Amino acid sequence: MKKQLTKAQEFCSKVKDLATCYNIPFFVVTEGASATFNKNSKAVANARKAHIQWEKAHKIDPNHDWEKDN
């Protein structure tokens, strides 16, 4: 059974779709969800790395993939 997306997850999913259309790397984070796709962007890599540290400090699994839950 698929779990319904939260508004944050739906937003991140739409950003991902848009970035895919333009074939650009991105990282987006909002309360409750984040999404990323990176292809050699140091800025995107740095943003995600910083967010991983924040997630670990707040006892959030940085490897959790909410897309696989849905």
PDB file of N, CA and C in Angstrom:
ATOM      1  N   MET A   1       0.848  -1.190   0.000  1.00  0.00           N
ATOM      2  CA  MET A   1       0.000   0.000   0.000  1.00  0.00           C
ATOM      3  C   MET A   1       0.884   1.240   0.000  1.00  0.00           C
ATOM      4  N   LYS A   2       0.618   2.135  -0.924  1.00  0.00           N
ATOM      5  CA  LYS A   2       1.401   3.354  -1.007  1.00  0.00           C
ATOM      6  C   LYS A   2       0.925   4.355   0.029  1.00  0.00           C
ATOM      7  N   LYS A   3       1.904   5.023   0.617  1.00  0.00           N
ATOM      8  CA  LYS A   3       1.621   6.066   1.596  1.00  0.00           C
ATOM      9  C   LYS A   3       1.379   7.377   0.840  1.00  0.00           C
ATOM     10  N   GLN A   4       0.417   8.160   1.283  1.00  0.00           N
ATOM     11  CA  GLN A   4       0.140   9.437   0.631  1.00  0.00           C
ATOM     12  C   GLN A   4       1.274  10.417   0.906  1.00  0.00           C
ATOM     13  N   LEU A   5       1.684  11.150  -0.115  1.00  0.00           N
ATOM     14  CA  LEU A   5       2.744  12.134   0.041  1.00  0.00           C
ATOM     15  C   LEU A   5       2.285  13.285   0.926  1.00  0.00           C
ATOM     16  N   THR A   6       3.198  13.769   1.753  1.00  0.00           N
ATOM     17  CA  THR A   6       2.919  14.985   2.500  1.00  0.00           C
ATOM     18  C   THR A   6       3.057  16.156   1.531  1.00  0.00           C
ATOM     19  N   LYS A   7       2.608  17.323   1.914  1.00  0.00           N
ATOM     20  CA  LYS A   7       2.749  18.502   1.049  1.00  0.00           C
ATOM     21  C   LYS A   7       4.225  18.798   0.782  1.00  0.00           C
ATOM     22  N   ALA A   8       5.076  18.620   1.789  1.00  0.00           N
ATOM     23  CA  ALA A   8       6.511  18.857   1.617  1.00  0.00           C
ATOM     24  C   ALA A   8       7.101  17.882   0.602  1.00  0.00           C
ATOM     25  N   GLN A   9       6.712  16.615   0.691  1.00  0.00           N
ATOM     26  CA  GLN A   9       7.202  15.607  -0.246  1.00  0.00           C
ATOM     27  C   GLN A   9       6.691  15.876  -1.655  1.00  0.00           C
ATOM     28  N   GLU A  10       5.437  16.271  -1.760  1.00  0.00           N
ATOM     29  CA  GLU A  10       4.869  16.601  -3.068  1.00  0.00           C
ATOM     30  C   GLU A  10       5.613  17.783  -3.698  1.00  0.00           C
ATOM     31  N   PHE A  11       5.912  18.795  -2.894  1.00  0.00           N
ATOM     32  CA  PHE A  11       6.667  19.954  -3.371  1.00  0.00           C
ATOM     33  C   PHE A  11       8.037  19.520  -3.892  1.00  0.00           C
ATOM     34  N   CYS A  12       8.757  18.735  -3.100  1.00  0.00           N
ATOM     35  CA  CYS A  12      10.093  18.275  -3.500  1.00  0.00           C
ATOM     36  C   CYS A  12      10.014  17.437  -4.776  1.00  0.00           C
ATOM     37  N   SER A  13       8.986  16.638  -4.899  1.00  0.00           N
ATOM     38  CA  SER A  13       8.806  15.811  -6.084  1.00  0.00           C
ATOM     39  C   SER A  13       8.604  16.681  -7.328  1.00  0.00           C
ATOM     40  N   LYS A  14       7.836  17.753  -7.183  1.00  0.00           N
ATOM     41  CA  LYS A  14       7.608  18.666  -8.313  1.00  0.00           C
ATOM     42  C   LYS A  14       8.889  19.405  -8.689  1.00  0.00           C
ATOM     43  N   VAL A  15       9.684  19.792  -7.700  1.00  0.00           N
ATOM     44  CA  VAL A  15      10.973  20.430  -7.983  1.00  0.00           C
ATOM     45  C   VAL A  15      11.867  19.460  -8.744  1.00  0.00           C
ATOM     46  N   LYS A  16      11.870  18.209  -8.310  1.00  0.00           N
ATOM     47  CA  LYS A  16      12.686  17.188  -8.975  1.00  0.00           C
ATOM     48  C   LYS A  16      12.254  17.009 -10.427  1.00  0.00           C
ATOM     49  N   ASP A  17      10.956  16.961 -10.663  1.00  0.00           N
ATOM     50  CA  ASP A  17      10.446  16.826 -12.030  1.00  0.00           C
ATOM     51  C   ASP A  17      10.882  18.014 -12.889  1.00  0.00           C
ATOM     52  N   LEU A  18      10.789  19.206 -12.354  1.00  0.00           N
ATOM     53  CA  LEU A  18      11.180  20.408 -13.089  1.00  0.00           C
ATOM     54  C   LEU A  18      12.674  20.399 -13.395  1.00  0.00           C
ATOM     55  N   ALA A  19      13.481  20.053 -12.412  1.00  0.00           N
ATOM     56  CA  ALA A  19      14.932  20.000 -12.617  1.00  0.00           C
ATOM     57  C   ALA A  19      15.297  18.943 -13.657  1.00  0.00           C
ATOM     58  N   THR A  20      14.568  17.836 -13.662  1.00  0.00           N
ATOM     59  CA  THR A  20      14.801  16.793 -14.649  1.00  0.00           C
ATOM     60  C   THR A  20      14.514  17.306 -16.059  1.00  0.00           C
ATOM     61  N   CYS A  21      13.445  18.083 -16.207  1.00  0.00           N
ATOM     62  CA  CYS A  21      13.106  18.655 -17.520  1.00  0.00           C
ATOM     63  C   CYS A  21      14.240  19.526 -18.051  1.00  0.00           C
ATOM     64  N   TYR A  22      14.907  20.242 -17.156  1.00  0.00           N
ATOM     65  CA  TYR A  22      15.996  21.136 -17.541  1.00  0.00           C
ATOM     66  C   TYR A  22      17.369  20.463 -17.448  1.00  0.00           C
ATOM     67  N   ASN A  23      17.398  19.235 -16.928  1.00  0.00           N
ATOM     68  CA  ASN A  23      18.634  18.481 -16.743  1.00  0.00           C
ATOM     69  C   ASN A  23      19.671  19.275 -15.943  1.00  0.00           C
ATOM     70  N   ILE A  24      19.237  19.776 -14.793  1.00  0.00           N
ATOM     71  CA  ILE A  24      20.145  20.545 -13.946  1.00  0.00           C
ATOM     72  C   ILE A  24      20.244  19.915 -12.556  1.00  0.00           C
ATOM     73  N   PRO A  25      21.417  19.984 -11.956  1.00  0.00           N
ATOM     74  CA  PRO A  25      21.573  19.484 -10.598  1.00  0.00           C
ATOM     75  C   PRO A  25      20.855  20.414  -9.617  1.00  0.00           C
ATOM     76  N   PHE A  26      20.368  19.832  -8.515  1.00  0.00           N
ATOM     77  CA  PHE A  26      19.681  20.658  -7.522  1.00  0.00           C
ATOM     78  C   PHE A  26      19.708  19.982  -6.160  1.00  0.00           C
ATOM     79  N   PHE A  27      19.448  20.769  -5.156  1.00  0.00           N
ATOM     80  CA  PHE A  27      19.177  20.292  -3.808  1.00  0.00           C
ATOM     81  C   PHE A  27      18.127  21.221  -3.231  1.00  0.00           C
ATOM     82  N   VAL A  28      17.052  20.658  -2.728  1.00  0.00           N
ATOM     83  CA  VAL A  28      15.991  21.449  -2.119  1.00  0.00           C
ATOM     84  C   VAL A  28      15.645  20.821  -0.776  1.00  0.00           C
ATOM     85  N   VAL A  29      15.387  21.672   0.195  1.00  0.00           N
ATOM     86  CA  VAL A  29      14.982  21.189   1.512  1.00  0.00           C
ATOM     87  C   VAL A  29      13.864  22.083   2.044  1.00  0.00           C
ATOM     88  N   THR A  30      12.906  21.441   2.676  1.00  0.00           N
ATOM     89  CA  THR A  30      11.817  22.141   3.329  1.00  0.00           C
ATOM     90  C   THR A  30      11.482  21.356   4.595  1.00  0.00           C
ATOM     91  N   GLU A  31      10.643  21.888   5.413  1.00  0.00           N
ATOM     92  CA  GLU A  31      10.264  21.187   6.639  1.00  0.00           C
ATOM     93  C   GLU A  31       9.561  19.897   6.264  1.00  0.00           C
ATOM     94  N   GLY A  32      10.209  18.775   6.523  1.00  0.00           N
ATOM     95  CA  GLY A  32       9.586  17.480   6.284  1.00  0.00           C
ATOM     96  C   GLY A  32      10.060  16.708   5.078  1.00  0.00           C
ATOM     97  N   ALA A  33      10.876  17.317   4.230  1.00  0.00           N
ATOM     98  CA  ALA A  33      11.353  16.580   3.053  1.00  0.00           C
ATOM     99  C   ALA A  33      12.506  17.322   2.387  1.00  0.00           C
ATOM    100  N   SER A  34      13.284  16.552   1.646  1.00  0.00           N
ATOM    101  CA  SER A  34      14.330  17.141   0.809  1.00  0.00           C
ATOM    102  C   SER A  34      14.495  16.254  -0.413  1.00  0.00           C
ATOM    103  N   ALA A  35      15.115  16.808  -1.437  1.00  0.00           N
ATOM    104  CA  ALA A  35      15.371  16.039  -2.656  1.00  0.00           C
ATOM    105  C   ALA A  35      16.635  16.587  -3.289  1.00  0.00           C
ATOM    106  N   THR A  36      17.322  15.718  -4.004  1.00  0.00           N
ATOM    107  CA  THR A  36      18.561  16.144  -4.648  1.00  0.00           C
ATOM    108  C   THR A  36      18.846  15.312  -5.883  1.00  0.00           C
ATOM    109  N   PHE A  37      19.525  15.930  -6.805  1.00  0.00           N
ATOM    110  CA  PHE A  37      20.116  15.258  -7.954  1.00  0.00           C
ATOM    111  C   PHE A  37      21.363  16.061  -8.278  1.00  0.00           C
ATOM    112  N   ASN A  38      22.484  15.390  -8.351  1.00  0.00           N
ATOM    113  CA  ASN A  38      23.719  16.121  -8.588  1.00  0.00           C
ATOM    114  C   ASN A  38      24.559  15.461  -9.658  1.00  0.00           C
ATOM    115  N   LYS A  39      25.088  16.285 -10.519  1.00  0.00           N
ATOM    116  CA  LYS A  39      25.992  15.862 -11.573  1.00  0.00           C
ATOM    117  C   LYS A  39      27.128  16.881 -11.608  1.00  0.00           C
ATOM    118  N   ASN A  40      28.108  16.690 -10.757  1.00  0.00           N
ATOM    119  CA  ASN A  40      29.319  17.516 -10.758  1.00  0.00           C
ATOM    120  C   ASN A  40      29.138  18.968 -10.319  1.00  0.00           C
ATOM    121  N   SER A  41      28.145  19.260  -9.513  1.00  0.00           N
ATOM    122  CA  SER A  41      27.985  20.615  -8.998  1.00  0.00           C
ATOM    123  C   SER A  41      28.544  20.687  -7.579  1.00  0.00           C
ATOM    124  N   LYS A  42      29.584  21.471  -7.391  1.00  0.00           N
ATOM    125  CA  LYS A  42      30.182  21.624  -6.060  1.00  0.00           C
ATOM    126  C   LYS A  42      29.213  22.313  -5.102  1.00  0.00           C
ATOM    127  N   ALA A  43      28.435  23.254  -5.607  1.00  0.00           N
ATOM    128  CA  ALA A  43      27.481  23.971  -4.756  1.00  0.00           C
ATOM    129  C   ALA A  43      26.395  23.024  -4.240  1.00  0.00           C
ATOM    130  N   VAL A  44      25.860  22.200  -5.125  1.00  0.00           N
ATOM    131  CA  VAL A  44      24.824  21.246  -4.726  1.00  0.00           C
ATOM    132  C   VAL A  44      25.407  20.227  -3.753  1.00  0.00           C
ATOM    133  N   ALA A  45      26.605  19.731  -4.040  1.00  0.00           N
ATOM    134  CA  ALA A  45      27.256  18.764  -3.149  1.00  0.00           C
ATOM    135  C   ALA A  45      27.480  19.365  -1.763  1.00  0.00           C
ATOM    136  N   ASN A  46      27.912  20.611  -1.715  1.00  0.00           N
ATOM    137  CA  ASN A  46      28.157  21.271  -0.433  1.00  0.00           C
ATOM    138  C   ASN A  46      26.863  21.468   0.352  1.00  0.00           C
ATOM    139  N   ALA A  47      25.803  21.860  -0.333  1.00  0.00           N
ATOM    140  CA  ALA A  47      24.518  22.061   0.342  1.00  0.00           C
ATOM    141  C   ALA A  47      24.002  20.749   0.924  1.00  0.00           C
ATOM    142  N   ARG A  48      24.088  19.689   0.151  1.00  0.00           N
ATOM    143  CA  ARG A  48      23.616  18.382   0.648  1.00  0.00           C
ATOM    144  C   ARG A  48      24.482  17.890   1.802  1.00  0.00           C
ATOM    145  N   LYS A  49      25.785  18.087   1.695  1.00  0.00           N
ATOM    146  CA  LYS A  49      26.695  17.672   2.766  1.00  0.00           C
ATOM    147  C   LYS A  49      26.346  18.396   4.078  1.00  0.00           C
ATOM    148  N   ALA A  50      26.087  19.686   3.992  1.00  0.00           N
ATOM    149  CA  ALA A  50      25.709  20.457   5.180  1.00  0.00           C
ATOM    150  C   ALA A  50      24.385  19.952   5.758  1.00  0.00           C
ATOM    151  N   HIS A  51      23.458  19.602   4.880  1.00  0.00           N
ATOM    152  CA  HIS A  51      22.165  19.108   5.351  1.00  0.00           C
ATOM    153  C   HIS A  51      22.306  17.735   6.012  1.00  0.00           C
ATOM    154  N   ILE A  52      23.184  16.900   5.483  1.00  0.00           N
ATOM    155  CA  ILE A  52      23.443  15.593   6.106  1.00  0.00           C
ATOM    156  C   ILE A  52      23.936  15.785   7.540  1.00  0.00           C
ATOM    157  N   GLN A  53      24.823  16.725   7.750  1.00  0.00           N
ATOM    158  CA  GLN A  53      25.331  17.005   9.094  1.00  0.00           C
ATOM    159  C   GLN A  53      24.203  17.467  10.010  1.00  0.00           C
ATOM    160  N   TRP A  54      23.326  18.322   9.484  1.00  0.00           N
ATOM    161  CA  TRP A  54      22.185  18.808  10.263  1.00  0.00           C
ATOM    162  C   TRP A  54      21.269  17.640  10.617  1.00  0.00           C
ATOM    163  N   GLU A  55      20.996  16.767   9.641  1.00  0.00           N
ATOM    164  CA  GLU A  55      20.131  15.614   9.891  1.00  0.00           C
ATOM    165  C   GLU A  55      20.722  14.723  10.985  1.00  0.00           C
ATOM    166  N   LYS A  56      22.004  14.434  10.893  1.00  0.00           N
ATOM    167  CA  LYS A  56      22.653  13.593  11.906  1.00  0.00           C
ATOM    168  C   LYS A  56      22.573  14.228  13.282  1.00  0.00           C
ATOM    169  N   ALA A  57      22.785  15.533  13.360  1.00  0.00           N
ATOM    170  CA  ALA A  57      22.726  16.242  14.645  1.00  0.00           C
ATOM    171  C   ALA A  57      21.322  16.192  15.254  1.00  0.00           C
ATOM    172  N   HIS A  58      20.304  16.018  14.410  1.00  0.00           N
ATOM    173  CA  HIS A  58      18.918  15.971  14.872  1.00  0.00           C
ATOM    174  C   HIS A  58      18.345  14.555  14.841  1.00  0.00           C
ATOM    175  N   LYS A  59      19.274  13.560  14.766  1.00  0.00           N
ATOM    176  CA  LYS A  59      18.896  12.145  14.808  1.00  0.00           C
ATOM    177  C   LYS A  59      17.912  11.757  13.703  1.00  0.00           C
ATOM    178  N   ILE A  60      18.158  12.298  12.515  1.00  0.00           N
ATOM    179  CA  ILE A  60      17.376  11.966  11.325  1.00  0.00           C
ATOM    180  C   ILE A  60      18.279  11.153  10.401  1.00  0.00           C
ATOM    181  N   ASP A  61      17.756  10.084   9.854  1.00  0.00           N
ATOM    182  CA  ASP A  61      18.529   9.226   8.960  1.00  0.00           C
ATOM    183  C   ASP A  61      18.740   9.942   7.619  1.00  0.00           C
ATOM    184  N   PRO A  62      19.975  10.329   7.290  1.00  0.00           N
ATOM    185  CA  PRO A  62      20.219  11.035   6.038  1.00  0.00           C
ATOM    186  C   PRO A  62      20.073  10.149   4.801  1.00  0.00           C
ATOM    187  N   ASN A  63      19.973   8.845   5.002  1.00  0.00           N
ATOM    188  CA  ASN A  63      19.823   7.918   3.877  1.00  0.00           C
ATOM    189  C   ASN A  63      18.383   7.487   3.638  1.00  0.00           C
ATOM    190  N   HIS A  64      17.468   7.998   4.458  1.00  0.00           N
ATOM    191  CA  HIS A  64      16.062   7.635   4.282  1.00  0.00           C
ATOM    192  C   HIS A  64      15.562   8.181   2.940  1.00  0.00           C
ATOM    193  N   ASP A  65      14.859   7.352   2.193  1.00  0.00           N
ATOM    194  CA  ASP A  65      14.345   7.742   0.887  1.00  0.00           C
ATOM    195  C   ASP A  65      12.824   7.659   0.916  1.00  0.00           C
ATOM    196  N   TRP A  66      12.173   8.792   1.168  1.00  0.00           N
ATOM    197  CA  TRP A  66      10.721   8.794   1.262  1.00  0.00           C
ATOM    198  C   TRP A  66      10.059   8.430  -0.074  1.00  0.00           C
ATOM    199  N   GLU A  67      10.756   8.608  -1.188  1.00  0.00           N
ATOM    200  CA  GLU A  67      10.189   8.233  -2.486  1.00  0.00           C
ATOM    201  C   GLU A  67       9.989   6.721  -2.594  1.00  0.00           C
ATOM    202  N   LYS A  68      10.868   5.951  -1.957  1.00  0.00           N
ATOM    203  CA  LYS A  68      10.746   4.494  -1.986  1.00  0.00           C
ATOM    204  C   LYS A  68       9.576   4.014  -1.125  1.00  0.00           C
ATOM    205  N   ASP A  69       9.163   4.855  -0.171  1.00  0.00           N
ATOM    206  CA  ASP A  69       8.024   4.510   0.678  1.00  0.00           C
ATOM    207  C   ASP A  69       6.702   4.678  -0.048  1.00  0.00           C
ATOM    208  N   ASN A  70       6.743   5.389  -1.166  1.00  0.00           N
ATOM    209  CA  ASN A  70       5.503   5.722  -1.884  1.00  0.00           C
ATOM    210  C   ASN A  70       5.437   5.039  -3.226  1.00  0.00           C
TER     211      ASN A  70
END
